[in-house]
N, C-alpha and C. Protein backbone atom coordinates (compact mmCIF):
# COMPACT_ATOMS: atom_id res chain seq x y z
N MET A 1 41.55 4.12 -37.33
CA MET A 1 41.81 5.10 -36.52
C MET A 1 43.20 5.08 -36.59
N GLN A 2 43.74 6.51 -36.14
CA GLN A 2 45.21 6.47 -36.04
C GLN A 2 45.61 6.98 -34.50
N SER A 3 46.64 6.80 -33.92
CA SER A 3 47.03 7.21 -32.53
C SER A 3 48.02 8.34 -32.66
N HIS A 4 47.84 9.40 -32.60
CA HIS A 4 48.75 10.57 -32.30
C HIS A 4 48.62 11.21 -31.23
N THR A 5 47.39 11.44 -30.27
CA THR A 5 47.46 11.99 -29.25
C THR A 5 46.69 11.41 -28.34
N ILE A 6 46.88 11.91 -26.81
CA ILE A 6 45.94 11.03 -25.82
C ILE A 6 44.69 11.06 -26.08
N GLU A 7 43.87 12.04 -26.87
CA GLU A 7 42.62 11.78 -26.96
C GLU A 7 42.30 10.62 -28.12
N ASP A 8 43.25 10.65 -29.21
CA ASP A 8 43.12 9.35 -29.87
C ASP A 8 43.38 8.05 -28.96
N SER A 9 44.08 7.80 -28.10
CA SER A 9 44.41 6.66 -27.31
C SER A 9 43.13 6.60 -26.63
N LEU A 10 42.60 7.41 -26.16
CA LEU A 10 41.05 7.25 -25.01
C LEU A 10 40.25 6.73 -26.10
N ALA A 11 40.31 7.27 -27.37
CA ALA A 11 38.88 6.93 -28.26
C ALA A 11 39.37 5.36 -28.71
N LEU A 12 40.57 4.99 -28.97
CA LEU A 12 40.80 3.73 -29.14
C LEU A 12 40.46 2.81 -28.04
N ARG A 13 40.74 3.19 -26.89
CA ARG A 13 40.32 2.50 -25.81
C ARG A 13 38.69 2.26 -25.58
N ALA A 14 38.07 3.38 -25.86
CA ALA A 14 36.66 3.02 -25.91
C ALA A 14 36.13 2.20 -27.04
N GLN A 15 36.82 2.34 -27.95
CA GLN A 15 36.49 1.19 -29.30
C GLN A 15 36.56 -0.09 -28.89
N LEU A 16 37.78 -0.36 -28.41
CA LEU A 16 38.22 -1.74 -27.80
C LEU A 16 37.28 -2.29 -26.86
N SER A 17 36.99 -1.36 -26.11
CA SER A 17 36.20 -1.96 -24.77
C SER A 17 34.64 -2.41 -25.08
N VAL A 18 33.94 -2.14 -26.27
CA VAL A 18 32.76 -2.44 -26.91
C VAL A 18 32.70 -3.63 -27.75
N ASP A 19 33.88 -4.46 -27.57
CA ASP A 19 34.00 -5.79 -28.63
C ASP A 19 33.59 -5.40 -30.12
N PRO A 20 34.95 -4.70 -30.83
CA PRO A 20 34.15 -4.16 -31.75
C PRO A 20 34.19 -4.97 -33.00
N GLY A 21 34.65 -6.45 -32.88
CA GLY A 21 34.64 -7.56 -33.79
C GLY A 21 36.15 -7.78 -34.29
N ASN A 22 36.33 -7.70 -35.58
CA ASN A 22 37.78 -7.91 -36.17
C ASN A 22 38.49 -6.68 -36.14
N VAL A 23 39.63 -6.93 -35.62
CA VAL A 23 40.73 -5.74 -35.40
C VAL A 23 41.76 -5.79 -36.43
N VAL A 24 42.08 -5.14 -37.19
CA VAL A 24 43.05 -4.93 -38.27
C VAL A 24 44.15 -3.94 -38.00
N VAL A 25 45.45 -4.39 -37.79
CA VAL A 25 46.47 -3.28 -37.22
C VAL A 25 47.53 -3.26 -38.19
N ILE A 26 47.62 -2.20 -38.82
CA ILE A 26 48.51 -1.80 -39.85
C ILE A 26 49.87 -1.39 -39.21
N GLY A 27 50.98 -1.98 -39.24
CA GLY A 27 52.45 -1.78 -39.02
C GLY A 27 52.65 -2.58 -37.85
N GLY A 28 53.74 -3.22 -37.84
CA GLY A 28 54.21 -3.91 -36.75
C GLY A 28 55.45 -3.52 -35.97
N GLY A 29 55.32 -2.15 -36.04
CA GLY A 29 56.20 -1.52 -34.89
C GLY A 29 55.96 -1.30 -33.44
N PHE A 30 56.55 -0.47 -32.71
CA PHE A 30 56.03 -0.60 -31.14
C PHE A 30 54.60 -0.17 -31.22
N ILE A 31 54.12 0.78 -31.78
CA ILE A 31 52.74 1.04 -31.64
C ILE A 31 52.03 0.05 -31.98
N GLY A 32 52.08 -0.63 -33.21
CA GLY A 32 51.21 -1.76 -33.75
C GLY A 32 51.33 -2.91 -32.73
N GLY A 33 52.48 -3.25 -32.54
CA GLY A 33 52.50 -4.56 -31.64
C GLY A 33 52.08 -4.26 -30.21
N GLU A 34 51.93 -3.09 -29.77
CA GLU A 34 51.31 -2.93 -28.58
C GLU A 34 49.74 -2.87 -28.47
N VAL A 35 49.38 -2.42 -29.79
CA VAL A 35 47.99 -2.18 -29.69
C VAL A 35 47.17 -3.36 -30.01
N ALA A 36 48.02 -4.40 -30.97
CA ALA A 36 47.73 -5.50 -31.41
C ALA A 36 47.71 -6.74 -29.95
N SER A 37 48.67 -6.70 -29.26
CA SER A 37 48.88 -7.09 -28.04
C SER A 37 47.68 -6.85 -27.16
N THR A 38 47.37 -5.36 -26.98
CA THR A 38 46.21 -5.29 -26.11
C THR A 38 44.97 -5.87 -26.44
N ALA A 39 44.76 -5.50 -28.03
CA ALA A 39 43.32 -6.16 -28.02
C ALA A 39 43.20 -7.42 -28.14
N ARG A 40 44.62 -8.35 -28.33
CA ARG A 40 44.30 -9.98 -28.08
C ARG A 40 43.99 -9.86 -26.56
N SER A 41 44.64 -9.18 -25.77
CA SER A 41 44.46 -9.53 -24.43
C SER A 41 42.75 -9.31 -23.84
N LEU A 42 42.06 -8.75 -24.83
CA LEU A 42 40.90 -8.37 -24.50
C LEU A 42 39.97 -9.61 -25.05
N GLY A 43 40.44 -10.32 -25.74
CA GLY A 43 39.77 -11.82 -26.40
C GLY A 43 39.40 -11.44 -27.77
N LEU A 44 39.95 -10.11 -28.44
CA LEU A 44 39.36 -9.81 -29.79
C LEU A 44 40.13 -10.61 -31.00
N PRO A 45 39.52 -10.94 -32.15
CA PRO A 45 40.57 -11.33 -33.10
C PRO A 45 41.34 -10.31 -33.80
N VAL A 46 42.53 -10.45 -33.90
CA VAL A 46 43.66 -9.40 -34.40
C VAL A 46 44.30 -9.92 -35.66
N THR A 47 44.46 -9.33 -36.75
CA THR A 47 45.23 -9.36 -37.94
C THR A 47 46.27 -8.19 -37.83
N LEU A 48 47.59 -8.56 -37.77
CA LEU A 48 48.69 -7.55 -37.95
C LEU A 48 49.09 -7.67 -39.25
N VAL A 49 49.41 -6.71 -39.82
CA VAL A 49 49.62 -6.42 -41.24
C VAL A 49 50.94 -5.68 -41.32
N ASP A 50 52.23 -6.20 -42.05
CA ASP A 50 53.26 -5.62 -41.94
C ASP A 50 54.23 -5.80 -43.45
N ALA A 51 54.87 -4.55 -43.66
CA ALA A 51 55.68 -4.88 -45.03
C ALA A 51 56.71 -5.74 -44.79
N ALA A 52 57.22 -5.85 -43.85
CA ALA A 52 58.45 -6.65 -43.31
C ALA A 52 58.09 -8.12 -43.12
N PRO A 53 59.21 -9.07 -43.34
CA PRO A 53 58.76 -10.46 -42.98
C PRO A 53 58.38 -10.87 -41.65
N TYR A 54 58.83 -10.00 -40.92
CA TYR A 54 58.41 -10.27 -39.40
C TYR A 54 58.52 -8.95 -38.80
N PRO A 55 57.61 -8.85 -37.77
CA PRO A 55 57.46 -7.41 -36.91
C PRO A 55 59.07 -6.70 -36.50
N MET A 56 59.32 -5.69 -36.77
CA MET A 56 60.31 -5.07 -36.10
C MET A 56 61.75 -5.82 -36.50
N SER A 57 61.72 -6.40 -37.62
CA SER A 57 62.88 -7.07 -38.21
C SER A 57 64.21 -6.25 -38.23
N ASN A 58 63.80 -5.00 -38.70
CA ASN A 58 64.95 -3.95 -38.97
C ASN A 58 65.38 -3.22 -37.74
N VAL A 59 64.66 -3.73 -36.60
CA VAL A 59 65.18 -2.96 -35.38
C VAL A 59 65.87 -4.05 -34.50
N LEU A 60 65.31 -5.08 -34.43
CA LEU A 60 65.75 -6.20 -33.26
C LEU A 60 66.46 -7.25 -33.97
N GLY A 61 66.33 -7.27 -35.62
CA GLY A 61 67.31 -8.27 -36.24
C GLY A 61 66.49 -9.49 -36.49
N ALA A 62 66.75 -10.53 -37.19
CA ALA A 62 66.05 -11.51 -37.87
C ALA A 62 65.64 -12.46 -36.71
N GLU A 63 66.75 -12.81 -35.94
CA GLU A 63 66.51 -14.05 -34.81
C GLU A 63 65.27 -13.53 -33.82
N ALA A 64 65.69 -12.37 -33.09
CA ALA A 64 64.62 -11.83 -32.34
C ALA A 64 63.37 -11.52 -32.93
N ALA A 65 63.36 -10.83 -34.15
CA ALA A 65 62.22 -10.64 -34.82
C ALA A 65 61.19 -11.75 -34.80
N ARG A 66 61.93 -12.84 -35.31
CA ARG A 66 61.17 -14.04 -35.47
C ARG A 66 60.61 -14.60 -34.14
N TRP A 67 61.68 -14.55 -33.01
CA TRP A 67 60.68 -15.15 -32.01
C TRP A 67 59.60 -14.06 -31.52
N LEU A 68 59.78 -12.69 -31.79
CA LEU A 68 58.60 -11.89 -31.52
C LEU A 68 57.36 -12.19 -32.37
N ALA A 69 57.62 -12.70 -33.64
CA ALA A 69 56.50 -13.21 -34.50
C ALA A 69 55.77 -14.52 -33.82
N GLY A 70 56.55 -15.18 -33.51
CA GLY A 70 56.05 -16.54 -32.74
C GLY A 70 55.42 -16.20 -31.55
N HIS A 71 55.82 -15.25 -30.92
CA HIS A 71 55.23 -14.61 -29.35
C HIS A 71 53.81 -13.93 -29.95
N HIS A 72 53.57 -13.57 -31.02
CA HIS A 72 52.35 -12.74 -31.34
C HIS A 72 51.55 -13.92 -31.89
N HIS A 73 52.07 -14.84 -32.47
CA HIS A 73 51.19 -16.17 -32.95
C HIS A 73 50.69 -17.04 -31.86
N ASP A 74 51.80 -17.01 -30.97
CA ASP A 74 51.61 -18.01 -29.62
C ASP A 74 50.14 -17.45 -28.80
N ASN A 75 49.98 -16.07 -28.98
CA ASN A 75 48.91 -15.38 -28.15
C ASN A 75 47.71 -15.11 -29.19
N GLY A 76 47.86 -15.70 -30.28
CA GLY A 76 46.70 -15.63 -30.91
C GLY A 76 46.37 -14.76 -32.22
N VAL A 77 47.40 -13.95 -32.34
CA VAL A 77 47.52 -12.71 -33.54
C VAL A 77 48.03 -13.22 -34.75
N GLU A 78 47.06 -13.14 -35.69
CA GLU A 78 47.44 -13.89 -37.04
C GLU A 78 48.23 -12.60 -37.69
N LEU A 79 49.53 -12.91 -38.28
CA LEU A 79 50.57 -12.15 -38.84
C LEU A 79 50.43 -12.10 -40.32
N VAL A 80 50.51 -11.18 -40.78
CA VAL A 80 50.69 -11.09 -42.51
C VAL A 80 51.65 -10.27 -42.82
N GLY A 81 52.67 -10.83 -43.14
CA GLY A 81 53.93 -10.05 -43.45
C GLY A 81 54.25 -9.98 -44.94
N GLU A 82 55.37 -9.46 -45.29
CA GLU A 82 55.70 -8.88 -46.71
C GLU A 82 54.52 -8.53 -47.52
N THR A 83 53.69 -7.64 -46.90
CA THR A 83 52.31 -7.26 -47.58
C THR A 83 52.09 -5.97 -47.29
N ARG A 84 51.58 -5.13 -48.03
CA ARG A 84 51.22 -3.82 -48.07
C ARG A 84 49.93 -3.70 -48.11
N VAL A 85 49.14 -2.52 -47.52
CA VAL A 85 47.79 -2.36 -47.80
C VAL A 85 47.49 -1.40 -48.85
N THR A 86 46.37 -1.90 -49.63
CA THR A 86 46.41 -1.06 -50.89
C THR A 86 44.92 -0.51 -51.05
N GLY A 87 43.99 -0.60 -49.96
CA GLY A 87 43.09 0.15 -50.07
C GLY A 87 41.95 -0.47 -49.04
N PHE A 88 40.51 0.06 -48.60
CA PHE A 88 39.71 -0.27 -47.78
C PHE A 88 38.54 -0.82 -48.51
N GLU A 89 37.58 -1.72 -47.82
CA GLU A 89 36.30 -1.88 -48.14
C GLU A 89 35.51 -0.72 -47.28
N GLY A 90 34.20 -0.70 -47.77
CA GLY A 90 32.99 -0.08 -46.90
C GLY A 90 33.01 1.50 -47.29
N THR A 91 32.04 1.83 -46.80
CA THR A 91 31.70 3.41 -47.06
C THR A 91 31.20 3.93 -45.49
N GLY A 92 32.08 5.04 -45.42
CA GLY A 92 31.97 5.68 -44.14
C GLY A 92 32.60 5.19 -43.14
N ARG A 93 32.72 3.82 -43.02
CA ARG A 93 33.39 2.97 -42.08
C ARG A 93 34.08 1.46 -42.65
N ALA A 94 34.97 1.49 -42.52
CA ALA A 94 35.77 0.23 -43.00
C ALA A 94 35.22 -1.19 -42.52
N THR A 95 35.03 -1.79 -43.87
CA THR A 95 34.69 -3.41 -43.21
C THR A 95 35.68 -4.29 -43.82
N GLY A 96 36.69 -3.92 -44.51
CA GLY A 96 37.69 -4.83 -44.64
C GLY A 96 38.90 -3.91 -45.50
N VAL A 97 40.29 -4.76 -45.70
CA VAL A 97 41.18 -4.25 -45.83
C VAL A 97 41.72 -4.88 -46.96
N ARG A 98 42.32 -4.44 -48.00
CA ARG A 98 42.83 -4.96 -49.15
C ARG A 98 44.08 -5.01 -49.14
N LEU A 99 44.64 -6.11 -49.42
CA LEU A 99 46.07 -6.39 -49.43
C LEU A 99 46.84 -6.54 -51.05
N SER A 100 48.10 -6.04 -50.84
CA SER A 100 48.83 -6.19 -52.28
C SER A 100 48.92 -7.72 -52.61
N ASN A 101 48.56 -8.73 -51.70
CA ASN A 101 48.77 -10.17 -52.09
C ASN A 101 47.24 -10.50 -52.62
N GLY A 102 46.50 -9.58 -52.69
CA GLY A 102 45.09 -9.91 -53.44
C GLY A 102 44.30 -10.27 -52.37
N ARG A 103 44.50 -10.45 -51.09
CA ARG A 103 43.65 -10.98 -49.96
C ARG A 103 42.83 -9.73 -49.39
N THR A 104 41.87 -9.76 -49.02
CA THR A 104 41.02 -8.82 -48.37
C THR A 104 40.51 -9.45 -46.85
N LEU A 105 40.82 -8.65 -45.94
CA LEU A 105 41.00 -8.99 -44.75
C LEU A 105 39.62 -8.40 -43.86
N PRO A 106 38.63 -8.97 -43.21
CA PRO A 106 37.51 -8.60 -42.88
C PRO A 106 37.83 -7.67 -41.65
N ALA A 107 37.27 -6.39 -41.77
CA ALA A 107 37.60 -5.64 -40.56
C ALA A 107 36.44 -4.79 -39.87
N ASP A 108 36.53 -4.69 -38.60
CA ASP A 108 35.52 -3.99 -38.19
C ASP A 108 36.39 -2.75 -37.44
N LEU A 109 37.43 -3.05 -37.20
CA LEU A 109 38.04 -1.86 -36.68
C LEU A 109 39.62 -1.70 -37.01
N VAL A 110 40.04 -0.68 -37.82
CA VAL A 110 41.59 -0.67 -38.36
C VAL A 110 41.94 0.33 -37.81
N ILE A 111 43.49 0.20 -37.07
CA ILE A 111 44.24 1.10 -36.48
C ILE A 111 45.30 0.98 -37.34
N ALA A 112 45.93 2.19 -37.68
CA ALA A 112 47.42 2.52 -38.47
C ALA A 112 48.37 2.99 -37.37
N GLY A 113 49.43 2.48 -37.40
CA GLY A 113 50.29 2.52 -36.72
C GLY A 113 51.64 2.53 -37.35
N MET A 114 51.71 3.31 -38.60
CA MET A 114 52.64 3.22 -39.47
C MET A 114 53.75 4.06 -39.41
N GLY A 115 53.76 5.33 -38.44
CA GLY A 115 54.94 6.35 -38.52
C GLY A 115 54.84 7.15 -37.39
N VAL A 116 55.71 7.93 -37.19
CA VAL A 116 55.72 9.10 -36.25
C VAL A 116 56.50 10.25 -36.93
N VAL A 117 55.78 11.45 -36.71
CA VAL A 117 56.68 12.61 -36.91
C VAL A 117 56.99 13.84 -35.92
N PRO A 118 58.10 13.80 -35.92
CA PRO A 118 58.66 14.65 -34.91
C PRO A 118 58.04 16.00 -34.66
N ASN A 119 57.47 16.33 -33.24
CA ASN A 119 56.84 17.74 -33.38
C ASN A 119 57.88 18.70 -32.98
N THR A 120 58.43 19.35 -33.99
CA THR A 120 59.00 20.56 -33.96
C THR A 120 58.22 21.82 -34.07
N GLU A 121 57.11 21.95 -34.37
CA GLU A 121 56.43 23.21 -34.62
C GLU A 121 56.75 24.21 -33.35
N TRP A 122 56.70 23.80 -32.20
CA TRP A 122 57.18 24.75 -30.99
C TRP A 122 58.36 25.47 -31.01
N LEU A 123 59.14 24.69 -31.77
CA LEU A 123 60.60 25.07 -32.17
C LEU A 123 60.98 26.16 -33.10
N GLU A 124 59.79 26.37 -34.01
CA GLU A 124 60.15 27.31 -35.11
C GLU A 124 60.12 28.88 -34.43
N GLY A 125 61.03 29.47 -35.26
CA GLY A 125 61.26 30.82 -34.66
C GLY A 125 62.75 31.01 -33.55
N SER A 126 63.04 29.66 -32.74
CA SER A 126 63.75 29.64 -31.98
C SER A 126 65.36 29.74 -32.27
N GLY A 127 65.60 29.69 -33.87
CA GLY A 127 66.56 29.89 -34.24
C GLY A 127 67.65 28.49 -34.56
N LEU A 128 67.08 27.51 -34.02
CA LEU A 128 67.58 26.05 -34.41
C LEU A 128 67.23 25.74 -35.69
N THR A 129 68.10 24.90 -36.21
CA THR A 129 68.04 24.34 -37.68
C THR A 129 67.04 23.19 -37.51
N LEU A 130 65.99 23.43 -38.36
CA LEU A 130 64.96 22.24 -38.18
C LEU A 130 64.87 21.49 -39.49
N GLY A 131 64.71 20.48 -39.62
CA GLY A 131 64.39 19.64 -40.70
C GLY A 131 63.54 18.37 -40.52
N ASP A 132 63.79 17.08 -40.48
CA ASP A 132 63.06 16.05 -40.16
C ASP A 132 63.44 15.84 -38.66
N GLY A 133 63.23 16.98 -37.95
CA GLY A 133 63.60 16.92 -36.62
C GLY A 133 64.45 18.08 -36.17
N VAL A 134 65.15 18.04 -35.05
CA VAL A 134 66.16 19.18 -35.09
C VAL A 134 67.73 18.62 -35.50
N VAL A 135 68.06 19.30 -36.39
CA VAL A 135 69.37 18.88 -36.96
C VAL A 135 70.44 19.11 -35.90
N CYS A 136 71.21 18.00 -35.73
CA CYS A 136 72.47 17.98 -34.84
C CYS A 136 73.65 17.62 -35.43
N ASP A 137 74.88 18.09 -34.67
CA ASP A 137 75.94 17.32 -34.98
C ASP A 137 76.15 16.12 -34.39
N GLU A 138 77.50 15.66 -34.58
CA GLU A 138 77.89 14.22 -34.18
C GLU A 138 77.75 14.00 -32.68
N ARG A 139 77.94 15.39 -31.99
CA ARG A 139 77.88 15.20 -30.43
C ARG A 139 76.27 15.49 -30.06
N LEU A 140 75.45 15.43 -30.70
CA LEU A 140 73.95 15.68 -30.50
C LEU A 140 73.58 17.09 -29.96
N PHE A 141 74.50 17.96 -30.25
CA PHE A 141 74.56 19.39 -29.92
C PHE A 141 73.67 19.81 -31.16
N ALA A 142 72.52 20.62 -30.82
CA ALA A 142 71.75 21.19 -31.82
C ALA A 142 72.79 22.21 -32.65
N LEU A 143 72.60 22.08 -34.33
CA LEU A 143 73.62 22.72 -35.03
C LEU A 143 73.51 24.24 -34.61
N GLY A 144 74.85 24.64 -34.74
CA GLY A 144 74.98 25.95 -34.40
C GLY A 144 75.10 26.25 -32.80
N THR A 145 74.85 25.52 -31.96
CA THR A 145 74.62 25.83 -30.62
C THR A 145 75.78 24.97 -29.59
N SER A 146 75.85 25.23 -28.38
CA SER A 146 76.77 24.82 -27.68
C SER A 146 76.07 24.42 -26.28
N ASP A 147 74.88 24.66 -26.33
CA ASP A 147 74.05 24.52 -24.95
C ASP A 147 72.79 23.63 -25.29
N VAL A 148 72.38 23.37 -26.22
CA VAL A 148 71.11 22.87 -26.85
C VAL A 148 71.33 21.26 -27.07
N VAL A 149 70.80 20.29 -26.61
CA VAL A 149 71.08 18.98 -27.05
C VAL A 149 69.41 18.27 -27.18
N ALA A 150 69.78 17.24 -28.31
CA ALA A 150 68.66 16.73 -28.79
C ALA A 150 68.71 15.17 -28.70
N ALA A 151 67.70 14.33 -28.60
CA ALA A 151 68.04 13.01 -28.79
C ALA A 151 66.54 12.44 -28.71
N GLY A 152 66.66 11.19 -29.53
CA GLY A 152 65.36 10.41 -29.69
C GLY A 152 64.91 10.78 -30.85
N GLU A 153 63.44 10.91 -31.11
CA GLU A 153 63.00 11.13 -32.17
C GLU A 153 63.21 12.52 -33.04
N PRO A 154 63.43 13.46 -32.25
CA PRO A 154 63.59 14.75 -32.80
C PRO A 154 64.80 15.17 -33.29
N ALA A 155 65.92 14.22 -32.76
CA ALA A 155 67.19 14.26 -33.32
C ALA A 155 67.63 13.56 -34.37
N THR A 156 68.06 14.61 -35.59
CA THR A 156 68.45 14.28 -36.74
C THR A 156 69.75 14.74 -37.35
N PRO A 157 70.82 13.75 -37.56
CA PRO A 157 72.08 14.01 -37.71
C PRO A 157 72.02 14.87 -38.97
N ARG A 158 73.00 15.87 -39.06
CA ARG A 158 73.01 16.61 -40.37
C ARG A 158 73.23 15.97 -41.62
N ARG A 159 74.11 15.06 -41.65
CA ARG A 159 74.46 14.66 -43.01
C ARG A 159 73.16 13.36 -43.24
N HIS A 160 72.07 13.31 -42.66
CA HIS A 160 70.92 12.45 -42.99
C HIS A 160 69.86 13.46 -43.58
N GLN A 161 70.00 14.74 -43.83
CA GLN A 161 68.87 15.77 -44.11
C GLN A 161 69.24 15.79 -45.90
N PRO A 162 67.88 15.92 -46.44
CA PRO A 162 66.78 15.69 -46.08
C PRO A 162 66.00 14.46 -46.50
N HIS A 163 66.94 13.24 -46.42
CA HIS A 163 66.36 12.01 -47.00
C HIS A 163 65.96 11.25 -45.80
N HIS A 164 66.19 11.18 -44.65
CA HIS A 164 66.23 10.38 -43.48
C HIS A 164 64.54 10.64 -43.08
N ARG A 165 64.09 9.46 -42.90
CA ARG A 165 62.72 9.09 -42.50
C ARG A 165 62.64 8.38 -41.33
N ARG A 166 61.69 8.36 -40.45
CA ARG A 166 61.59 7.67 -39.58
C ARG A 166 59.89 6.92 -39.41
N ILE A 167 60.15 5.76 -39.46
CA ILE A 167 59.04 4.81 -39.22
C ILE A 167 58.77 4.06 -37.96
N ALA A 168 57.74 4.03 -37.26
CA ALA A 168 57.97 3.27 -36.19
C ALA A 168 58.27 1.85 -36.29
N GLY A 169 59.11 1.49 -35.53
CA GLY A 169 59.78 0.06 -35.45
C GLY A 169 60.71 0.09 -36.85
N GLY A 170 60.87 0.93 -37.29
CA GLY A 170 61.68 0.89 -38.29
C GLY A 170 63.06 1.71 -38.34
N GLY A 171 63.26 2.36 -37.06
CA GLY A 171 64.33 3.24 -36.89
C GLY A 171 65.40 2.58 -36.04
N PRO A 172 66.81 3.50 -35.87
CA PRO A 172 67.46 2.94 -34.84
C PRO A 172 67.06 3.02 -33.49
N ASP A 173 66.36 2.44 -32.97
CA ASP A 173 65.80 2.67 -31.69
C ASP A 173 66.80 2.47 -30.46
N ARG A 174 67.48 1.33 -30.76
CA ARG A 174 68.40 1.11 -29.69
C ARG A 174 69.66 2.11 -29.42
N ARG A 175 69.78 2.90 -30.36
CA ARG A 175 70.72 3.95 -30.60
C ARG A 175 70.24 5.08 -29.82
N ARG A 176 68.74 5.34 -30.13
CA ARG A 176 68.13 6.35 -29.67
C ARG A 176 68.11 6.14 -28.11
N LEU A 177 68.19 5.04 -27.73
CA LEU A 177 68.20 4.81 -26.03
C LEU A 177 69.51 5.55 -25.62
N ARG A 178 70.55 4.97 -26.40
CA ARG A 178 72.11 5.83 -25.99
C ARG A 178 72.04 7.08 -26.08
N GLN A 179 71.43 7.84 -27.27
CA GLN A 179 71.11 9.18 -27.20
C GLN A 179 70.42 9.87 -26.21
N GLY A 180 69.58 9.30 -25.71
CA GLY A 180 68.76 9.74 -24.26
C GLY A 180 69.87 9.94 -23.26
N ARG A 181 70.74 8.81 -23.11
CA ARG A 181 71.51 8.73 -21.93
C ARG A 181 72.53 9.69 -21.97
N GLY A 182 73.02 9.88 -23.30
CA GLY A 182 74.23 10.65 -23.71
C GLY A 182 73.79 12.29 -23.45
N ALA A 183 72.50 12.63 -24.20
CA ALA A 183 72.00 14.01 -23.85
C ALA A 183 71.89 14.21 -22.34
N ARG A 184 70.98 13.45 -21.90
CA ARG A 184 71.15 13.64 -20.29
C ARG A 184 72.53 14.04 -19.38
N ARG A 185 73.35 13.21 -19.75
CA ARG A 185 74.69 13.66 -19.12
C ARG A 185 75.57 14.69 -19.49
N ARG A 186 75.07 14.80 -20.93
CA ARG A 186 75.82 16.36 -21.37
C ARG A 186 75.12 17.52 -20.88
N GLY A 187 73.60 17.30 -20.55
CA GLY A 187 73.04 18.43 -19.84
C GLY A 187 73.37 18.62 -18.61
N ARG A 188 73.84 17.48 -17.75
CA ARG A 188 74.21 17.61 -16.22
C ARG A 188 75.78 18.08 -16.47
N GLY A 189 76.52 18.35 -17.52
CA GLY A 189 77.56 18.62 -17.61
C GLY A 189 78.66 17.50 -17.26
N GLU A 190 78.05 16.03 -17.40
CA GLU A 190 79.02 14.89 -16.79
C GLU A 190 79.85 14.63 -18.11
N LEU A 191 79.53 15.23 -19.42
CA LEU A 191 80.35 14.66 -20.59
C LEU A 191 80.99 15.86 -20.92
N PRO A 192 82.27 15.91 -21.51
CA PRO A 192 82.81 17.10 -22.17
C PRO A 192 82.14 17.30 -23.54
N GLN A 193 82.18 18.60 -23.97
CA GLN A 193 81.88 18.79 -25.18
C GLN A 193 82.51 18.20 -26.41
N GLY A 194 83.78 17.81 -25.74
CA GLY A 194 84.64 17.31 -26.94
C GLY A 194 84.94 18.06 -28.18
N PRO A 195 85.92 17.74 -28.82
CA PRO A 195 86.43 18.59 -29.99
C PRO A 195 85.51 18.67 -31.23
N ASP A 196 86.00 19.49 -31.87
CA ASP A 196 84.84 19.82 -33.20
C ASP A 196 85.20 18.63 -33.91
N PRO A 197 83.78 18.19 -34.36
CA PRO A 197 83.66 16.76 -35.17
C PRO A 197 84.61 17.07 -36.15
N HIS A 198 84.64 18.04 -37.06
CA HIS A 198 85.15 18.50 -38.48
C HIS A 198 86.76 18.26 -38.15
N GLN A 199 87.44 18.76 -37.22
CA GLN A 199 88.55 18.78 -36.65
C GLN A 199 89.18 17.18 -36.54
N ALA A 200 87.99 16.59 -35.62
CA ALA A 200 88.56 15.24 -35.14
C ALA A 200 88.60 14.24 -36.64
N ARG A 201 87.77 14.46 -37.43
CA ARG A 201 87.53 13.70 -38.88
C ARG A 201 88.93 14.20 -39.54
N HIS A 202 89.35 15.11 -39.50
CA HIS A 202 90.49 15.45 -40.11
C HIS A 202 91.91 14.85 -39.55
N ARG A 203 91.55 14.59 -38.36
CA ARG A 203 92.90 13.78 -37.61
C ARG A 203 92.69 12.23 -37.93
N GLY A 204 91.44 11.78 -38.71
CA GLY A 204 91.22 10.52 -38.82
C GLY A 204 90.64 9.90 -37.94
N ARG A 205 89.76 10.43 -37.01
CA ARG A 205 89.01 9.68 -36.24
C ARG A 205 87.55 10.57 -35.71
N ARG A 206 86.55 9.89 -35.19
CA ARG A 206 85.44 10.67 -34.66
C ARG A 206 85.51 10.80 -33.31
N PRO A 207 85.10 11.92 -32.58
CA PRO A 207 85.15 12.08 -31.33
C PRO A 207 83.87 11.19 -30.65
N PHE A 208 84.29 10.44 -29.32
CA PHE A 208 83.02 9.70 -28.90
C PHE A 208 82.71 8.68 -29.68
N GLY A 209 83.52 7.97 -30.35
CA GLY A 209 82.94 6.61 -31.16
C GLY A 209 82.17 7.34 -32.46
N ARG A 210 81.12 6.33 -32.78
CA ARG A 210 80.52 6.54 -33.96
C ARG A 210 79.23 7.42 -33.73
N PRO A 211 78.64 8.05 -34.56
CA PRO A 211 77.43 8.90 -34.44
C PRO A 211 76.45 8.23 -33.99
N ALA A 212 75.70 8.71 -33.13
CA ALA A 212 74.40 8.11 -32.45
C ALA A 212 73.31 7.53 -33.23
N VAL A 213 73.36 8.32 -34.71
CA VAL A 213 72.36 7.74 -35.45
C VAL A 213 72.96 7.46 -36.72
N THR A 214 72.66 6.75 -37.64
CA THR A 214 73.29 6.27 -38.69
C THR A 214 72.20 5.97 -39.83
């Protein structure tokens, strides 16, 4: 299963409520961690597979990620780190998950929480510059505008096109929180638009500190 919409979430809740057996969660980010925690709270056997050594290590840092791994472990979640999924067993419905370390996990329900894609289809034709999200300048204004501000998943700094990717639990989420606050304050007129970022760089500094996303 994948969880993209409210309908997906409702279907997942229905699956978890009927004691599906062994649950394998692929991806140790926010989505994967929440699903694993929820499944364990229902008494289900859960294995969490992630490519990183510890869940969310590139967001939280090594120390906090180790604590999070211990928290999962203490609550009965089996963690399989530094491993990728290479395939599935079963026909029509998964019965196992094959890993790059040669192991096959028994599985009755598999949930993939491996990434997010900004929903920008509704902005097509708006005149905004779209790429992997809404392309923004260093002040979070949509490129070429002075009255549209983007923050969070949809906001993509111009210098990161087209190679910037967002993976759930693998992006600069702490900075996104600051983006949201800054965008909200700019929308209310509480923050000045500031000097043109190119002029500011020409003088040897950036306006308002570092860019919100790196």
